[in-house]
Amino acid sequence: MSGKGKALSWFTGLLGGEYIAKKGVDRQILFIFFCFILVSLYLMWGLWVEDRMALINKNDKIIEELQIEFHEKDLQLTGLDQRTRIEKMLLQGGNTSLHAPEDPPQRIVIE
């Protein structure tokens, strides 16, 4: 029998169940099923952990962005608090000629 015919007979024997009956694998079918279940659970656990890690990384980025936004707003509020405090001090001192600028700053171009 040639190599091609031998491989074909082995493949048909495997699919037909003759190989399983000759080697006594049919007695171990529960163990094989158990191993299949364990491998499936291991793969599902790995995918679940990977999904959770991706969610944690996403949440970390969102938290970092929110912290930056919080610090920016905190600085703005601190600046507003100082501005109102200075305006109150000027009004208490009787100096009414100083006030906040009404026009936006302009750039002076020197050629």
C-alpha atoms as a PDB file:
ATOM      1  CA  MET A   1       0.000   0.000   0.000  1.00  0.00           C
ATOM      2  CA  SER A   2       1.381   3.411  -0.913  1.00  0.00           C
ATOM      3  CA  GLY A   3       1.771   6.287   1.550  1.00  0.00           C
ATOM      4  CA  LYS A   4      -1.242   8.096   0.145  1.00  0.00           C
ATOM      5  CA  GLY A   5      -3.492   5.030   0.432  1.00  0.00           C
ATOM      6  CA  LYS A   6      -2.252   4.326   3.948  1.00  0.00           C
ATOM      7  CA  ALA A   7      -3.025   7.877   5.062  1.00  0.00           C
ATOM      8  CA  LEU A   8      -6.454   7.684   3.456  1.00  0.00           C
ATOM      9  CA  SER A   9      -7.287   4.395   5.189  1.00  0.00           C
ATOM     10  CA  TRP A  10      -6.066   5.773   8.530  1.00  0.00           C
ATOM     11  CA  PHE A  11      -8.215   8.916   8.081  1.00  0.00           C
ATOM     12  CA  THR A  12     -11.342   6.931   7.146  1.00  0.00           C
ATOM     13  CA  GLY A  13     -10.690   4.605  10.075  1.00  0.00           C
ATOM     14  CA  LEU A  14     -10.433   7.578  12.413  1.00  0.00           C
ATOM     15  CA  LEU A  15     -13.668   9.116  11.156  1.00  0.00           C
ATOM     16  CA  GLY A  16     -15.456   5.775  11.089  1.00  0.00           C
ATOM     17  CA  GLY A  17     -14.549   4.980  14.689  1.00  0.00           C
ATOM     18  CA  GLU A  18     -12.396   1.911  13.959  1.00  0.00           C
ATOM     19  CA  TYR A  19      -9.297   3.603  15.369  1.00  0.00           C
ATOM     20  CA  ILE A  20     -11.131   4.398  18.609  1.00  0.00           C
ATOM     21  CA  ALA A  21     -12.340   0.806  19.000  1.00  0.00           C
ATOM     22  CA  LYS A  22      -8.885  -0.691  18.284  1.00  0.00           C
ATOM     23  CA  LYS A  23      -7.052   1.482  20.821  1.00  0.00           C
ATOM     24  CA  GLY A  24      -9.677   1.197  23.557  1.00  0.00           C
ATOM     25  CA  VAL A  25     -10.330   4.928  23.621  1.00  0.00           C
ATOM     26  CA  ASP A  26     -14.051   4.298  24.021  1.00  0.00           C
ATOM     27  CA  ARG A  27     -13.381   3.331  27.656  1.00  0.00           C
ATOM     28  CA  GLN A  28     -11.723   6.707  28.286  1.00  0.00           C
ATOM     29  CA  ILE A  29     -14.413   8.850  26.691  1.00  0.00           C
ATOM     30  CA  LEU A  30     -15.499  10.336  30.047  1.00  0.00           C
ATOM     31  CA  PHE A  31     -11.930  11.386  30.820  1.00  0.00           C
ATOM     32  CA  ILE A  32     -11.581  12.946  27.355  1.00  0.00           C
ATOM     33  CA  PHE A  33     -14.875  14.795  27.853  1.00  0.00           C
ATOM     34  CA  PHE A  34     -13.669  15.982  31.283  1.00  0.00           C
ATOM     35  CA  CYS A  35     -10.415  17.286  29.752  1.00  0.00           C
ATOM     36  CA  PHE A  36     -12.400  19.064  27.042  1.00  0.00           C
ATOM     37  CA  ILE A  37     -14.561  20.759  29.688  1.00  0.00           C
ATOM     38  CA  LEU A  38     -11.468  21.836  31.645  1.00  0.00           C
ATOM     39  CA  VAL A  39      -9.796  23.323  28.568  1.00  0.00           C
ATOM     40  CA  SER A  40     -13.019  25.122  27.633  1.00  0.00           C
ATOM     41  CA  LEU A  41     -13.328  26.594  31.138  1.00  0.00           C
ATOM     42  CA  TYR A  42      -9.685  27.688  31.062  1.00  0.00           C
ATOM     43  CA  LEU A  43     -10.203  29.504  27.754  1.00  0.00           C
ATOM     44  CA  MET A  44     -13.422  31.161  28.933  1.00  0.00           C
ATOM     45  CA  TRP A  45     -11.716  32.285  32.173  1.00  0.00           C
ATOM     46  CA  GLY A  46      -8.828  33.792  30.205  1.00  0.00           C
ATOM     47  CA  LEU A  47     -11.208  35.706  27.924  1.00  0.00           C
ATOM     48  CA  TRP A  48     -13.217  36.956  30.893  1.00  0.00           C
ATOM     49  CA  VAL A  49     -10.078  38.181  32.697  1.00  0.00           C
ATOM     50  CA  GLU A  50      -8.856  39.912  29.530  1.00  0.00           C
ATOM     51  CA  ASP A  51     -12.224  41.640  29.135  1.00  0.00           C
ATOM     52  CA  ARG A  52     -12.120  42.835  32.761  1.00  0.00           C
ATOM     53  CA  MET A  53      -8.554  44.144  32.357  1.00  0.00           C
ATOM     54  CA  ALA A  54      -9.589  46.103  29.262  1.00  0.00           C
ATOM     55  CA  LEU A  55     -12.499  47.592  31.221  1.00  0.00           C
ATOM     56  CA  ILE A  56     -10.167  48.534  34.100  1.00  0.00           C
ATOM     57  CA  ASN A  57      -7.756  50.268  31.708  1.00  0.00           C
ATOM     58  CA  LYS A  58     -10.641  52.160  30.114  1.00  0.00           C
ATOM     59  CA  ASN A  59     -11.914  53.260  33.526  1.00  0.00           C
ATOM     60  CA  ASP A  60      -8.403  54.346  34.587  1.00  0.00           C
ATOM     61  CA  LYS A  61      -8.182  56.624  31.543  1.00  0.00           C
ATOM     62  CA  ILE A  62     -11.612  58.101  32.312  1.00  0.00           C
ATOM     63  CA  ILE A  63     -10.630  58.690  35.957  1.00  0.00           C
ATOM     64  CA  GLU A  64      -7.412  60.406  34.863  1.00  0.00           C
ATOM     65  CA  GLU A  65      -9.350  62.707  32.517  1.00  0.00           C
ATOM     66  CA  LEU A  66     -11.831  63.540  35.280  1.00  0.00           C
ATOM     67  CA  GLN A  67      -9.002  64.330  37.696  1.00  0.00           C
ATOM     68  CA  ILE A  68      -7.452  66.707  35.169  1.00  0.00           C
ATOM     69  CA  GLU A  69     -10.833  68.382  34.651  1.00  0.00           C
ATOM     70  CA  PHE A  70     -11.300  68.662  38.429  1.00  0.00           C
ATOM     71  CA  HIS A  71      -7.914  70.323  38.904  1.00  0.00           C
ATOM     72  CA  GLU A  72      -8.623  72.777  36.071  1.00  0.00           C
ATOM     73  CA  LYS A  73     -11.960  73.760  37.605  1.00  0.00           C
ATOM     74  CA  ASP A  74     -10.340  74.009  41.031  1.00  0.00           C
ATOM     75  CA  LEU A  75      -7.736  76.414  39.674  1.00  0.00           C
ATOM     76  CA  GLN A  76     -10.433  78.469  37.945  1.00  0.00           C
ATOM     77  CA  LEU A  77     -12.473  78.710  41.133  1.00  0.00           C
ATOM     78  CA  THR A  78      -9.397  79.639  43.145  1.00  0.00           C
ATOM     79  CA  GLY A  79      -8.637  82.400  40.626  1.00  0.00           C
ATOM     80  CA  LEU A  80     -12.210  83.679  40.839  1.00  0.00           C
ATOM     81  CA  ASP A  81     -12.037  83.649  44.613  1.00  0.00           C
ATOM     82  CA  GLN A  82      -8.850  85.731  44.586  1.00  0.00           C
ATOM     83  CA  ARG A  83     -10.334  88.167  42.064  1.00  0.00           C
ATOM     84  CA  THR A  84     -13.438  88.778  44.160  1.00  0.00           C
ATOM     85  CA  ARG A  85     -11.303  89.097  47.302  1.00  0.00           C
ATOM     86  CA  ILE A  86      -9.082  91.703  45.631  1.00  0.00           C
ATOM     87  CA  GLU A  87     -12.125  93.612  44.322  1.00  0.00           C
ATOM     88  CA  LYS A  88     -13.597  93.685  47.827  1.00  0.00           C
ATOM     89  CA  MET A  89     -10.310  94.956  49.259  1.00  0.00           C
ATOM     90  CA  LEU A  90     -10.169  97.725  46.640  1.00  0.00           C
ATOM     91  CA  LEU A  91     -13.741  98.773  47.391  1.00  0.00           C
ATOM     92  CA  GLN A  92     -13.053  98.791  51.139  1.00  0.00           C
ATOM     93  CA  GLY A  93      -9.937 100.900  50.611  1.00  0.00           C
ATOM     94  CA  GLY A  94     -11.944 103.447  48.690  1.00  0.00           C
ATOM     95  CA  ASN A  95     -10.041 103.019  45.428  1.00  0.00           C
ATOM     96  CA  THR A  96     -12.652 102.914  42.689  1.00  0.00           C
ATOM     97  CA  SER A  97     -10.387 103.758  39.760  1.00  0.00           C
ATOM     98  CA  LEU A  98      -9.067 100.178  39.497  1.00  0.00           C
ATOM     99  CA  HIS A  99     -11.374  97.619  37.956  1.00  0.00           C
ATOM    100  CA  ALA A 100     -11.240  94.488  35.802  1.00  0.00           C
ATOM    101  CA  PRO A 101     -10.444  95.077  32.110  1.00  0.00           C
ATOM    102  CA  GLU A 102     -13.458  95.281  29.837  1.00  0.00           C
ATOM    103  CA  ASP A 103     -11.724  94.723  26.496  1.00  0.00           C
ATOM    104  CA  PRO A 104      -9.708  91.624  25.670  1.00  0.00           C
ATOM    105  CA  PRO A 105      -5.925  92.036  25.550  1.00  0.00           C
ATOM    106  CA  GLN A 106      -4.422  93.161  22.264  1.00  0.00           C
ATOM    107  CA  ARG A 107      -1.122  92.190  20.700  1.00  0.00           C
ATOM    108  CA  ILE A 108       1.301  94.972  19.932  1.00  0.00           C
ATOM    109  CA  VAL A 109       3.317  94.333  16.782  1.00  0.00           C
ATOM    110  CA  ILE A 110       6.659  96.078  16.495  1.00  0.00           C
ATOM    111  CA  GLU A 111       8.289  96.105  13.071  1.00  0.00           C
END
